[in-house]
Amino acid sequence: MNKSAKLIGLVVFLVLAAGMPLLAQEGGAAAAPESKASIYKISLIVAAAIITLAAAAGAFCQAKAISAACEGISRNPAAAPHIRFILLLGLILIETLVIYALLVTFIILMVKWGAYA
């Protein structure tokens, strides 16, 4: 098994382990399967997964972009201004995608799920 598959498996396991307290059943008559609380719990898990994966992917992509830019500047110092401009533009776009994921997370958390159930 390669490193990336192990890393993905570890991330999935940690997300599921972090969500287990949210999925714990309540005892007695309070455990209705289609209640507002269960939909809210699922929305919390989905929101946490979205922002976690977006932040991790954004950080990985930013590190890869910075590494490639540093290598490019070290190979050709005369092209440093052009490489720096493209690097900053790429970092802005990557961070914008992470901010969009944060916006989607807030939307998921703020919807009144009980109104549609």
N, C-alpha and C. Protein backbone atom coordinates (compact mmCIF):
# COMPACT_ATOMS: atom_id res chain seq x y z
N MET A 1 0.85 -1.17 0.00
CA MET A 1 0.00 0.00 0.00
C MET A 1 0.90 1.24 0.00
N ASN A 2 0.59 2.17 -0.89
CA ASN A 2 1.45 3.35 -0.98
C ASN A 2 1.12 4.38 0.09
N LYS A 3 1.95 5.41 0.16
CA LYS A 3 1.81 6.41 1.22
C LYS A 3 0.51 7.20 1.13
N SER A 4 0.10 7.56 -0.08
CA SER A 4 -1.11 8.39 -0.21
C SER A 4 -2.36 7.60 0.20
N ALA A 5 -2.41 6.32 -0.10
CA ALA A 5 -3.56 5.51 0.32
C ALA A 5 -3.60 5.38 1.84
N LYS A 6 -2.44 5.24 2.46
CA LYS A 6 -2.39 5.19 3.92
C LYS A 6 -2.84 6.51 4.54
N LEU A 7 -2.42 7.61 3.93
CA LEU A 7 -2.79 8.93 4.44
C LEU A 7 -4.29 9.16 4.29
N ILE A 8 -4.85 8.79 3.15
CA ILE A 8 -6.28 8.95 2.93
C ILE A 8 -7.06 8.07 3.92
N GLY A 9 -6.61 6.85 4.13
CA GLY A 9 -7.26 5.97 5.10
C GLY A 9 -7.21 6.54 6.50
N LEU A 10 -6.08 7.12 6.87
CA LEU A 10 -5.95 7.72 8.19
C LEU A 10 -6.88 8.92 8.36
N VAL A 11 -6.98 9.75 7.32
CA VAL A 11 -7.87 10.92 7.38
C VAL A 11 -9.33 10.48 7.50
N VAL A 12 -9.73 9.47 6.72
CA VAL A 12 -11.11 8.96 6.80
C VAL A 12 -11.37 8.40 8.19
N PHE A 13 -10.43 7.65 8.73
CA PHE A 13 -10.60 7.10 10.07
C PHE A 13 -10.74 8.19 11.12
N LEU A 14 -9.91 9.22 11.03
CA LEU A 14 -9.97 10.30 12.02
C LEU A 14 -11.27 11.09 11.91
N VAL A 15 -11.77 11.29 10.68
CA VAL A 15 -13.04 11.99 10.51
C VAL A 15 -14.18 11.16 11.11
N LEU A 16 -14.16 9.86 10.85
CA LEU A 16 -15.20 9.00 11.41
C LEU A 16 -15.09 8.92 12.93
N ALA A 17 -13.87 8.85 13.44
CA ALA A 17 -13.69 8.78 14.89
C ALA A 17 -14.13 10.09 15.56
N ALA A 18 -13.89 11.20 14.90
CA ALA A 18 -14.32 12.48 15.47
C ALA A 18 -15.84 12.63 15.43
N GLY A 19 -16.48 11.98 14.47
CA GLY A 19 -17.93 12.09 14.35
C GLY A 19 -18.71 11.12 15.19
N MET A 20 -18.06 10.14 15.80
CA MET A 20 -18.79 9.14 16.57
C MET A 20 -19.58 9.71 17.74
N PRO A 21 -19.07 10.67 18.50
CA PRO A 21 -19.90 11.22 19.58
C PRO A 21 -21.18 11.90 19.06
N LEU A 22 -21.12 12.43 17.85
CA LEU A 22 -22.31 13.05 17.28
C LEU A 22 -23.37 12.03 16.89
N LEU A 23 -22.92 10.81 16.59
CA LEU A 23 -23.85 9.77 16.17
C LEU A 23 -24.29 8.86 17.31
N ALA A 24 -23.87 9.14 18.53
CA ALA A 24 -24.23 8.29 19.66
C ALA A 24 -25.74 8.34 19.86
N GLN A 25 -26.33 7.17 20.09
CA GLN A 25 -27.78 7.11 20.25
C GLN A 25 -28.18 7.56 21.64
N GLU A 26 -29.34 8.19 21.67
CA GLU A 26 -29.92 8.57 22.94
C GLU A 26 -30.81 7.42 23.40
N GLY A 27 -30.91 7.22 24.69
CA GLY A 27 -31.70 6.11 25.20
C GLY A 27 -33.18 6.44 25.29
N GLY A 28 -34.02 5.41 25.30
CA GLY A 28 -35.44 5.57 25.54
C GLY A 28 -36.20 6.10 24.35
N ALA A 29 -37.28 6.84 24.64
CA ALA A 29 -38.18 7.33 23.60
C ALA A 29 -37.61 8.52 22.85
N ALA A 30 -36.52 9.08 23.32
CA ALA A 30 -35.95 10.26 22.66
C ALA A 30 -35.22 9.90 21.38
N ALA A 31 -35.05 8.62 21.08
CA ALA A 31 -34.28 8.21 19.92
C ALA A 31 -35.18 8.04 18.70
N ALA A 32 -35.60 9.14 18.11
CA ALA A 32 -36.39 9.09 16.88
C ALA A 32 -35.43 9.16 15.70
N PRO A 33 -35.51 8.20 14.76
CA PRO A 33 -34.51 8.17 13.67
C PRO A 33 -34.60 9.36 12.73
N GLU A 34 -35.78 9.93 12.52
CA GLU A 34 -35.93 11.05 11.59
C GLU A 34 -36.12 12.38 12.32
N SER A 35 -35.53 12.50 13.47
CA SER A 35 -35.71 13.74 14.23
C SER A 35 -34.81 14.84 13.70
N LYS A 36 -35.10 16.05 14.13
CA LYS A 36 -34.30 17.20 13.73
C LYS A 36 -32.86 17.07 14.23
N ALA A 37 -32.71 16.47 15.39
CA ALA A 37 -31.37 16.34 15.96
C ALA A 37 -30.49 15.44 15.12
N SER A 38 -31.05 14.35 14.58
CA SER A 38 -30.21 13.45 13.78
C SER A 38 -29.80 14.11 12.46
N ILE A 39 -30.68 14.89 11.86
CA ILE A 39 -30.31 15.59 10.63
C ILE A 39 -29.25 16.64 10.94
N TYR A 40 -29.38 17.32 12.07
CA TYR A 40 -28.40 18.31 12.46
C TYR A 40 -27.04 17.66 12.73
N LYS A 41 -27.05 16.48 13.34
CA LYS A 41 -25.79 15.77 13.60
C LYS A 41 -25.10 15.40 12.29
N ILE A 42 -25.88 14.93 11.33
CA ILE A 42 -25.29 14.58 10.04
C ILE A 42 -24.75 15.82 9.34
N SER A 43 -25.47 16.94 9.45
CA SER A 43 -24.98 18.16 8.83
C SER A 43 -23.69 18.64 9.49
N LEU A 44 -23.54 18.44 10.79
CA LEU A 44 -22.28 18.78 11.46
C LEU A 44 -21.12 17.94 10.93
N ILE A 45 -21.37 16.66 10.73
CA ILE A 45 -20.32 15.78 10.22
C ILE A 45 -19.94 16.17 8.80
N VAL A 46 -20.93 16.43 7.96
CA VAL A 46 -20.65 16.82 6.58
C VAL A 46 -19.89 18.14 6.53
N ALA A 47 -20.31 19.10 7.35
CA ALA A 47 -19.63 20.39 7.37
C ALA A 47 -18.18 20.25 7.84
N ALA A 48 -17.97 19.44 8.87
CA ALA A 48 -16.61 19.22 9.35
C ALA A 48 -15.75 18.53 8.30
N ALA A 49 -16.33 17.57 7.59
CA ALA A 49 -15.57 16.88 6.55
C ALA A 49 -15.22 17.82 5.41
N ILE A 50 -16.16 18.67 5.02
CA ILE A 50 -15.90 19.61 3.91
C ILE A 50 -14.76 20.55 4.26
N ILE A 51 -14.82 21.17 5.42
CA ILE A 51 -13.79 22.16 5.74
C ILE A 51 -12.45 21.48 6.02
N THR A 52 -12.48 20.28 6.58
CA THR A 52 -11.22 19.56 6.83
C THR A 52 -10.53 19.20 5.54
N LEU A 53 -11.27 18.61 4.62
CA LEU A 53 -10.67 18.21 3.35
C LEU A 53 -10.23 19.43 2.53
N ALA A 54 -11.02 20.50 2.55
CA ALA A 54 -10.65 21.70 1.79
C ALA A 54 -9.39 22.33 2.35
N ALA A 55 -9.29 22.41 3.68
CA ALA A 55 -8.10 23.01 4.28
C ALA A 55 -6.86 22.15 4.04
N ALA A 56 -7.02 20.84 4.14
CA ALA A 56 -5.88 19.94 3.91
C ALA A 56 -5.43 20.00 2.45
N ALA A 57 -6.38 19.96 1.52
CA ALA A 57 -6.03 20.01 0.10
C ALA A 57 -5.42 21.37 -0.25
N GLY A 58 -5.98 22.45 0.31
CA GLY A 58 -5.43 23.78 0.05
C GLY A 58 -4.01 23.93 0.56
N ALA A 59 -3.76 23.42 1.77
CA ALA A 59 -2.41 23.50 2.33
C ALA A 59 -1.42 22.69 1.51
N PHE A 60 -1.84 21.51 1.07
CA PHE A 60 -0.95 20.68 0.25
C PHE A 60 -0.63 21.37 -1.07
N CYS A 61 -1.66 21.91 -1.72
CA CYS A 61 -1.44 22.58 -3.01
C CYS A 61 -0.59 23.84 -2.87
N GLN A 62 -0.79 24.58 -1.79
CA GLN A 62 0.03 25.78 -1.58
C GLN A 62 1.49 25.41 -1.34
N ALA A 63 1.72 24.36 -0.56
CA ALA A 63 3.10 23.93 -0.31
C ALA A 63 3.76 23.46 -1.61
N LYS A 64 3.02 22.74 -2.43
CA LYS A 64 3.56 22.26 -3.70
C LYS A 64 3.87 23.45 -4.63
N ALA A 65 2.99 24.45 -4.66
CA ALA A 65 3.21 25.61 -5.52
C ALA A 65 4.41 26.43 -5.06
N ILE A 66 4.55 26.62 -3.77
CA ILE A 66 5.68 27.38 -3.25
C ILE A 66 6.99 26.65 -3.53
N SER A 67 6.96 25.33 -3.36
CA SER A 67 8.15 24.53 -3.63
C SER A 67 8.56 24.63 -5.10
N ALA A 68 7.60 24.53 -5.99
CA ALA A 68 7.91 24.61 -7.42
C ALA A 68 8.39 26.01 -7.79
N ALA A 69 7.82 27.03 -7.18
CA ALA A 69 8.25 28.40 -7.49
C ALA A 69 9.68 28.65 -7.00
N CYS A 70 9.99 28.17 -5.81
CA CYS A 70 11.37 28.33 -5.30
C CYS A 70 12.37 27.60 -6.18
N GLU A 71 11.99 26.42 -6.64
CA GLU A 71 12.88 25.67 -7.53
C GLU A 71 13.05 26.39 -8.86
N GLY A 72 11.96 26.95 -9.38
CA GLY A 72 12.04 27.68 -10.64
C GLY A 72 12.88 28.94 -10.53
N ILE A 73 12.73 29.65 -9.43
CA ILE A 73 13.53 30.87 -9.23
C ILE A 73 15.00 30.53 -9.05
N SER A 74 15.28 29.41 -8.37
CA SER A 74 16.69 29.04 -8.18
C SER A 74 17.34 28.60 -9.49
N ARG A 75 16.55 28.04 -10.40
CA ARG A 75 17.11 27.63 -11.70
C ARG A 75 17.28 28.82 -12.64
N ASN A 76 16.38 29.79 -12.56
CA ASN A 76 16.43 30.93 -13.47
C ASN A 76 16.09 32.20 -12.69
N PRO A 77 17.07 32.82 -12.04
CA PRO A 77 16.79 34.02 -11.23
C PRO A 77 16.26 35.20 -12.04
N ALA A 78 16.54 35.25 -13.33
CA ALA A 78 16.07 36.36 -14.15
C ALA A 78 14.54 36.34 -14.31
N ALA A 79 13.95 35.17 -14.19
CA ALA A 79 12.50 35.03 -14.35
C ALA A 79 11.75 35.16 -13.02
N ALA A 80 12.44 35.60 -11.97
CA ALA A 80 11.84 35.66 -10.63
C ALA A 80 10.58 36.52 -10.58
N PRO A 81 10.55 37.71 -11.20
CA PRO A 81 9.31 38.50 -11.11
C PRO A 81 8.09 37.82 -11.74
N HIS A 82 8.30 37.16 -12.88
CA HIS A 82 7.20 36.47 -13.54
C HIS A 82 6.73 35.26 -12.73
N ILE A 83 7.69 34.52 -12.21
CA ILE A 83 7.35 33.34 -11.40
C ILE A 83 6.64 33.78 -10.12
N ARG A 84 7.11 34.87 -9.51
CA ARG A 84 6.49 35.35 -8.29
C ARG A 84 5.05 35.80 -8.54
N PHE A 85 4.80 36.48 -9.66
CA PHE A 85 3.44 36.92 -9.98
C PHE A 85 2.52 35.71 -10.18
N ILE A 86 2.97 34.73 -10.94
CA ILE A 86 2.14 33.54 -11.17
C ILE A 86 1.94 32.77 -9.88
N LEU A 87 2.95 32.72 -9.03
CA LEU A 87 2.82 32.04 -7.74
C LEU A 87 1.76 32.73 -6.88
N LEU A 88 1.83 34.05 -6.78
CA LEU A 88 0.85 34.76 -5.96
C LEU A 88 -0.57 34.62 -6.52
N LEU A 89 -0.71 34.66 -7.82
CA LEU A 89 -2.02 34.46 -8.43
C LEU A 89 -2.55 33.07 -8.12
N GLY A 90 -1.70 32.06 -8.24
CA GLY A 90 -2.11 30.70 -7.92
C GLY A 90 -2.47 30.53 -6.45
N LEU A 91 -1.69 31.11 -5.56
CA LEU A 91 -2.00 31.02 -4.13
C LEU A 91 -3.32 31.71 -3.80
N ILE A 92 -3.59 32.82 -4.46
CA ILE A 92 -4.87 33.52 -4.23
C ILE A 92 -6.03 32.64 -4.68
N LEU A 93 -5.90 32.00 -5.83
CA LEU A 93 -6.98 31.14 -6.32
C LEU A 93 -7.18 29.92 -5.43
N ILE A 94 -6.10 29.34 -4.93
CA ILE A 94 -6.21 28.19 -4.04
C ILE A 94 -6.90 28.60 -2.75
N GLU A 95 -6.51 29.73 -2.19
CA GLU A 95 -7.11 30.19 -0.94
C GLU A 95 -8.57 30.57 -1.15
N THR A 96 -8.91 31.06 -2.32
CA THR A 96 -10.30 31.37 -2.62
C THR A 96 -11.16 30.11 -2.61
N LEU A 97 -10.64 29.02 -3.12
CA LEU A 97 -11.39 27.76 -3.09
C LEU A 97 -11.62 27.30 -1.66
N VAL A 98 -10.64 27.47 -0.79
CA VAL A 98 -10.81 27.09 0.62
C VAL A 98 -11.86 27.99 1.28
N ILE A 99 -11.86 29.27 0.95
CA ILE A 99 -12.86 30.18 1.51
C ILE A 99 -14.26 29.82 1.01
N TYR A 100 -14.37 29.39 -0.27
CA TYR A 100 -15.67 28.92 -0.76
C TYR A 100 -16.13 27.68 0.01
N ALA A 101 -15.22 26.78 0.33
CA ALA A 101 -15.58 25.61 1.13
C ALA A 101 -16.05 26.03 2.52
N LEU A 102 -15.41 27.05 3.10
CA LEU A 102 -15.86 27.57 4.39
C LEU A 102 -17.26 28.16 4.28
N LEU A 103 -17.55 28.85 3.19
CA LEU A 103 -18.87 29.41 2.96
C LEU A 103 -19.92 28.30 2.85
N VAL A 104 -19.60 27.24 2.11
CA VAL A 104 -20.52 26.11 2.00
C VAL A 104 -20.75 25.47 3.36
N THR A 105 -19.70 25.38 4.17
CA THR A 105 -19.83 24.83 5.52
C THR A 105 -20.77 25.67 6.36
N PHE A 106 -20.63 26.99 6.30
CA PHE A 106 -21.52 27.86 7.05
C PHE A 106 -22.96 27.73 6.57
N ILE A 107 -23.15 27.59 5.28
CA ILE A 107 -24.50 27.42 4.75
C ILE A 107 -25.11 26.12 5.25
N ILE A 108 -24.33 25.04 5.26
CA ILE A 108 -24.82 23.76 5.76
C ILE A 108 -25.20 23.87 7.23
N LEU A 109 -24.40 24.58 8.00
CA LEU A 109 -24.67 24.69 9.44
C LEU A 109 -25.83 25.61 9.76
N MET A 110 -26.10 26.61 8.93
CA MET A 110 -27.11 27.61 9.24
C MET A 110 -28.50 27.28 8.71
N VAL A 111 -28.63 26.27 7.86
CA VAL A 111 -29.95 25.91 7.33
C VAL A 111 -30.79 25.34 8.47
N LYS A 112 -32.03 25.71 8.53
CA LYS A 112 -32.94 25.16 9.53
C LYS A 112 -33.46 23.83 9.00
N TRP A 113 -32.79 22.76 9.36
CA TRP A 113 -33.10 21.44 8.82
C TRP A 113 -34.47 20.93 9.25
N GLY A 114 -34.97 21.38 10.37
CA GLY A 114 -36.26 20.92 10.84
C GLY A 114 -37.41 21.43 9.99
N ALA A 115 -37.22 22.53 9.27
CA ALA A 115 -38.30 23.09 8.47
C ALA A 115 -38.60 22.23 7.24
N TYR A 116 -37.65 21.41 6.82
CA TYR A 116 -37.83 20.60 5.63
C TYR A 116 -38.11 19.14 5.92
N ALA A 117 -38.05 18.76 7.18
CA ALA A 117 -38.24 17.35 7.52
C ALA A 117 -39.71 17.05 7.79
